[in-house]
């Protein structure tokens, strides 16, 4: 993470003056932080709050160039849930190996179980966090692609355009196709996010929820939850809207071409 981005997020974590949050959100965004990272730092319950703050400062979240900005995995008690069992000298591996070597020791067995549960919980936390960023990036790309469709269409009516109308129209048609693809890519990311484990009691392993509440949150890491997304319905709606608008525009383009052939 860049120093500028790290400083911006640190400032956001400590904000307290009413009205300052939007300024700090904008600064963190300009420094390259994702909406997920900004929402974590500001400790707000919804990413929509961050989108609203950005727009309040004249920032269109769709305008950022494509860039993968995955947050670093968190670590609790030296565990990240990713590589904990790959190294025999890791805390989890040591505890499990000790427990296997001395099955009569309930203390060691209990510690092994505790660390193993914590490792699984931290891994689930990091996995969910990464999926949130993936969905955010795919959503941003989806919205950029949809916006580009309008830009390409509007360019066809520019009297100062130096390119041919047919080349411009082809660019518009390609943009429509790319928008459909971006919607499908977002849907895939959103579906994957919905399949990730959560720490909501009754939806997953309560032992992992215990580790989350008793070890991860007290270590200073922000709450992590899945947004309520009906990806199937939202993608269907976006495809339908795109197709309907494209059909209307095809009729207009046909009129233009008809006049052109008459001259």
Protein backbone atom coordinates (compact mmCIF):
# COMPACT_ATOMS: atom_id res chain seq x y z
CA UNK A 1 0.00 0.00 0.00
CA UNK A 2 1.35 3.46 -0.89
CA UNK A 3 2.29 5.83 1.94
CA UNK A 4 -0.21 8.39 0.67
CA UNK A 5 -3.01 5.83 0.64
CA UNK A 6 -2.04 4.52 4.09
CA UNK A 7 -1.97 8.05 5.54
CA UNK A 8 -5.36 8.85 3.97
CA UNK A 9 -6.97 5.75 5.47
CA UNK A 10 -5.34 6.41 8.86
CA UNK A 11 -6.82 9.92 8.88
CA UNK A 12 -10.22 8.52 7.97
CA UNK A 13 -10.12 6.07 10.89
CA UNK A 14 -9.68 8.98 13.28
CA UNK A 15 -12.19 11.43 11.85
CA UNK A 16 -14.56 12.98 14.36
CA UNK A 17 -15.63 16.43 13.11
CA UNK A 18 -19.14 16.33 11.58
CA UNK A 19 -19.04 16.91 7.85
CA UNK A 20 -15.40 15.94 7.57
CA UNK A 21 -16.05 12.35 6.55
CA UNK A 22 -16.87 13.16 2.92
CA UNK A 23 -13.63 15.16 2.57
CA UNK A 24 -11.61 12.30 4.03
CA UNK A 25 -13.45 9.74 1.90
CA UNK A 26 -12.58 11.77 -1.20
CA UNK A 27 -8.93 12.02 -0.13
CA UNK A 28 -8.69 8.27 0.45
CA UNK A 29 -10.34 7.57 -2.92
CA UNK A 30 -7.92 9.90 -4.72
CA UNK A 31 -5.03 8.12 -2.97
CA UNK A 32 -6.18 4.84 -4.54
CA UNK A 33 -8.15 3.17 -1.71
CA UNK A 34 -11.10 0.96 -2.63
CA UNK A 35 -14.64 1.58 -1.40
CA UNK A 36 -14.32 -1.56 0.76
CA UNK A 37 -11.15 -0.24 2.42
CA UNK A 38 -12.69 3.22 2.90
CA UNK A 39 -15.87 1.77 4.43
CA UNK A 40 -13.72 -0.29 6.81
CA UNK A 41 -11.65 2.71 7.86
CA UNK A 42 -14.70 4.98 8.31
CA UNK A 43 -16.57 2.16 10.08
CA UNK A 44 -19.79 2.75 8.18
CA UNK A 45 -22.29 -0.03 7.73
CA UNK A 46 -22.95 0.38 4.01
CA UNK A 47 -20.79 0.97 0.95
CA UNK A 48 -23.62 3.14 -0.39
CA UNK A 49 -22.68 5.72 2.28
CA UNK A 50 -19.21 5.94 0.73
CA UNK A 51 -20.63 6.24 -2.80
CA UNK A 52 -22.86 9.08 -1.55
CA UNK A 53 -19.89 10.84 0.08
CA UNK A 54 -17.85 10.57 -3.13
CA UNK A 55 -20.66 12.01 -5.24
CA UNK A 56 -21.14 14.80 -2.67
CA UNK A 57 -17.55 15.81 -3.43
CA UNK A 58 -18.06 15.69 -7.18
CA UNK A 59 -16.42 12.29 -7.69
CA UNK A 60 -17.95 9.69 -10.00
CA UNK A 61 -16.91 6.26 -8.69
CA UNK A 62 -17.03 4.99 -12.28
CA UNK A 63 -14.29 7.36 -13.39
CA UNK A 64 -11.30 5.60 -11.84
CA UNK A 65 -9.15 3.64 -14.31
CA UNK A 66 -9.20 -0.13 -13.89
CA UNK A 67 -6.78 -1.20 -11.19
CA UNK A 68 -6.71 -4.24 -8.98
CA UNK A 69 -6.33 -3.01 -5.43
CA UNK A 70 -6.56 -6.06 -3.20
CA UNK A 71 -6.14 -5.37 0.54
CA UNK A 72 -3.44 -7.25 2.40
CA UNK A 73 -4.72 -10.23 4.44
CA UNK A 74 -5.24 -9.54 8.13
CA UNK A 75 -3.28 -11.47 10.75
CA UNK A 76 -4.47 -12.39 14.25
CA UNK A 77 -2.05 -14.01 16.70
CA UNK A 78 0.27 -14.62 13.78
CA UNK A 79 -2.42 -16.43 11.80
CA UNK A 80 -3.75 -15.39 8.40
CA UNK A 81 -5.79 -18.50 7.60
CA UNK A 82 -3.99 -18.88 4.28
CA UNK A 83 -0.52 -20.27 4.93
CA UNK A 84 -0.98 -21.40 8.54
CA UNK A 85 -0.70 -25.12 7.76
CA UNK A 86 1.96 -24.85 5.07
CA UNK A 87 4.79 -24.24 7.52
CA UNK A 88 5.37 -26.74 10.33
CA UNK A 89 6.74 -23.89 12.45
CA UNK A 90 3.50 -21.89 12.33
CA UNK A 91 1.47 -21.49 15.57
CA UNK A 92 -1.35 -23.70 14.30
CA UNK A 93 0.94 -26.39 12.94
CA UNK A 94 3.02 -26.45 16.14
CA UNK A 95 -0.06 -26.74 18.34
CA UNK A 96 -1.60 -29.49 16.20
CA UNK A 97 1.66 -31.45 16.09
CA UNK A 98 2.07 -31.11 19.84
CA UNK A 99 -1.50 -32.27 20.42
CA UNK A 100 -0.95 -35.31 18.22
CA UNK A 101 2.20 -36.17 20.14
CA UNK A 102 0.56 -35.88 23.53
CA UNK A 103 -3.10 -36.85 23.19
CA UNK A 104 -3.41 -37.22 26.96
CA UNK A 105 -2.90 -33.48 27.46
CA UNK A 106 -6.30 -31.77 27.28
CA UNK A 107 -4.66 -28.35 27.54
CA UNK A 108 -2.65 -28.83 24.37
CA UNK A 109 -5.61 -30.34 22.55
CA UNK A 110 -7.80 -27.41 23.57
CA UNK A 111 -5.16 -24.94 22.39
CA UNK A 112 -4.81 -26.78 19.10
CA UNK A 113 -8.56 -26.62 18.59
CA UNK A 114 -8.66 -22.94 19.50
CA UNK A 115 -5.88 -22.02 17.09
CA UNK A 116 -7.30 -24.17 14.34
CA UNK A 117 -10.70 -22.50 14.74
CA UNK A 118 -9.08 -19.06 14.79
CA UNK A 119 -7.10 -19.91 11.65
CA UNK A 120 -10.28 -20.98 9.87
CA UNK A 121 -12.10 -17.82 11.01
CA UNK A 122 -9.28 -15.51 9.89
CA UNK A 123 -9.13 -17.35 6.58
CA UNK A 124 -12.87 -16.91 6.10
CA UNK A 125 -12.55 -13.22 7.00
CA UNK A 126 -9.77 -12.69 4.43
CA UNK A 127 -11.68 -14.69 1.82
CA UNK A 128 -14.84 -12.66 2.32
CA UNK A 129 -12.88 -9.42 2.26
CA UNK A 130 -11.23 -10.35 -1.06
CA UNK A 131 -14.60 -11.32 -2.54
CA UNK A 132 -16.04 -7.94 -1.51
CA UNK A 133 -13.23 -6.17 -3.35
CA UNK A 134 -13.71 -8.39 -6.42
CA UNK A 135 -17.43 -7.56 -6.47
CA UNK A 136 -16.69 -3.87 -6.03
CA UNK A 137 -14.19 -3.87 -8.91
CA UNK A 138 -16.57 -5.82 -11.16
CA UNK A 139 -19.44 -3.45 -10.27
CA UNK A 140 -17.27 -0.43 -11.10
CA UNK A 141 -16.24 -1.98 -14.43
CA UNK A 142 -19.88 -2.82 -15.16
CA UNK A 143 -20.93 0.77 -14.55
CA UNK A 144 -18.01 2.13 -16.59
CA UNK A 145 -18.99 -0.10 -19.52
CA UNK A 146 -22.63 0.97 -19.34
CA UNK A 147 -21.60 4.63 -19.19
CA UNK A 148 -19.33 4.18 -22.23
CA UNK A 149 -22.35 2.99 -24.25
CA UNK A 150 -23.97 6.41 -23.73
CA UNK A 151 -20.71 8.20 -24.51
CA UNK A 152 -20.29 6.30 -27.78
CA UNK A 153 -23.90 6.99 -28.78
CA UNK A 154 -23.67 10.69 -28.01
CA UNK A 155 -20.46 10.89 -30.06
CA UNK A 156 -22.44 9.90 -33.18
CA UNK A 157 -24.34 13.19 -33.01
CA UNK A 158 -21.18 15.32 -32.64
CA UNK A 159 -21.03 17.57 -35.71
CA UNK A 160 -17.33 18.21 -35.06
CA UNK A 161 -16.38 14.54 -35.16
CA UNK A 162 -13.60 13.89 -37.68
CA UNK A 163 -14.23 10.14 -37.92
CA UNK A 164 -16.77 8.41 -40.15
CA UNK A 165 -20.28 7.84 -38.83
CA UNK A 166 -20.03 4.11 -39.59
CA UNK A 167 -16.83 3.74 -37.58
CA UNK A 168 -18.44 5.65 -34.72
CA UNK A 169 -21.54 3.48 -34.86
CA UNK A 170 -19.42 0.32 -34.84
CA UNK A 171 -17.66 1.61 -31.70
CA UNK A 172 -21.10 2.10 -30.13
CA UNK A 173 -22.20 -1.46 -31.04
CA UNK A 174 -18.97 -2.86 -29.57
CA UNK A 175 -19.59 -0.83 -26.40
CA UNK A 176 -23.06 -2.39 -26.08
CA UNK A 177 -21.58 -5.88 -26.39
CA UNK A 178 -18.87 -5.05 -23.85
CA UNK A 179 -21.51 -3.74 -21.44
CA UNK A 180 -23.42 -7.03 -21.64
CA UNK A 181 -20.17 -8.89 -20.93
CA UNK A 182 -19.36 -6.60 -17.99
CA UNK A 183 -22.82 -7.20 -16.50
CA UNK A 184 -22.25 -10.96 -16.71
CA UNK A 185 -18.77 -10.62 -15.19
CA UNK A 186 -20.22 -8.61 -12.30
CA UNK A 187 -22.98 -11.19 -11.80
CA UNK A 188 -20.36 -13.95 -11.55
CA UNK A 189 -18.42 -11.95 -8.92
CA UNK A 190 -21.62 -11.15 -7.00
CA UNK A 191 -22.75 -14.79 -7.07
CA UNK A 192 -19.35 -15.90 -5.76
CA UNK A 193 -19.55 -13.30 -2.99
CA UNK A 194 -22.95 -14.60 -1.91
CA UNK A 195 -21.52 -18.12 -1.63
CA UNK A 196 -18.78 -17.03 0.75
CA UNK A 197 -19.12 -17.91 4.40
CA UNK A 198 -20.32 -15.23 6.79
CA UNK A 199 -20.11 -14.80 10.53
CA UNK A 200 -23.86 -14.40 10.92
CA UNK A 201 -25.06 -16.80 13.58
CA UNK A 202 -27.46 -19.35 12.20
CA UNK A 203 -25.90 -19.12 8.72
CA UNK A 204 -22.53 -20.71 9.44
CA UNK A 205 -20.31 -22.32 12.01
CA UNK A 206 -20.93 -20.80 15.44
CA UNK A 207 -17.37 -21.70 16.50
CA UNK A 208 -16.09 -19.45 13.72
CA UNK A 209 -18.53 -16.76 14.82
CA UNK A 210 -17.09 -17.07 18.34
CA UNK A 211 -13.55 -16.63 17.02
CA UNK A 212 -14.68 -13.68 14.93
CA UNK A 213 -16.35 -11.95 17.88
CA UNK A 214 -13.80 -12.89 20.54
CA UNK A 215 -10.52 -12.60 18.63
CA UNK A 216 -10.81 -10.86 15.25
CA UNK A 217 -12.97 -7.88 16.22
CA UNK A 218 -11.15 -7.26 19.55
CA UNK A 219 -7.89 -7.19 17.57
CA UNK A 220 -9.16 -4.00 15.90
CA UNK A 221 -10.33 -5.39 12.58
CA UNK A 222 -13.61 -3.93 11.29
CA UNK A 223 -16.83 -5.94 11.03
CA UNK A 224 -17.16 -7.80 7.75
CA UNK A 225 -20.52 -8.72 6.25
CA UNK A 226 -22.03 -9.53 2.88
CA UNK A 227 -24.32 -7.00 1.20
CA UNK A 228 -27.78 -8.24 0.28
CA UNK A 229 -27.51 -8.59 -3.51
CA UNK A 230 -29.98 -10.34 -5.80
CA UNK A 231 -27.46 -10.69 -8.63
CA UNK A 232 -29.82 -12.68 -10.84
CA UNK A 233 -32.56 -10.05 -10.75
CA UNK A 234 -30.22 -7.06 -10.98
CA UNK A 235 -28.29 -8.50 -13.95
CA UNK A 236 -31.54 -9.39 -15.74
CA UNK A 237 -32.83 -5.85 -15.24
CA UNK A 238 -29.60 -4.29 -16.54
CA UNK A 239 -29.52 -6.55 -19.60
CA UNK A 240 -33.17 -5.74 -20.34
CA UNK A 241 -32.61 -1.98 -19.99
CA UNK A 242 -29.54 -2.15 -22.23
CA UNK A 243 -31.39 -4.16 -24.90
CA UNK A 244 -34.43 -1.88 -24.83
CA UNK A 245 -32.34 1.27 -25.24
CA UNK A 246 -30.25 -0.36 -27.97
CA UNK A 247 -33.41 -1.31 -29.88
CA UNK A 248 -34.66 2.27 -29.72
CA UNK A 249 -31.30 3.58 -30.91
CA UNK A 250 -31.16 1.07 -33.77
CA UNK A 251 -34.44 2.48 -35.06
CA UNK A 252 -33.02 6.01 -34.93
CA UNK A 253 -29.83 4.89 -36.65
CA UNK A 254 -31.90 3.22 -39.40
CA UNK A 255 -33.65 6.54 -40.06
CA UNK A 256 -30.29 8.27 -40.38
CA UNK A 257 -28.95 5.63 -42.75
CA UNK A 258 -32.16 5.77 -44.78
CA UNK A 259 -31.74 9.52 -45.31
CA UNK A 260 -28.08 9.02 -46.16
CA UNK A 261 -28.93 6.51 -48.94
CA UNK A 262 -31.45 8.93 -50.46
CA UNK A 263 -28.83 11.63 -50.98
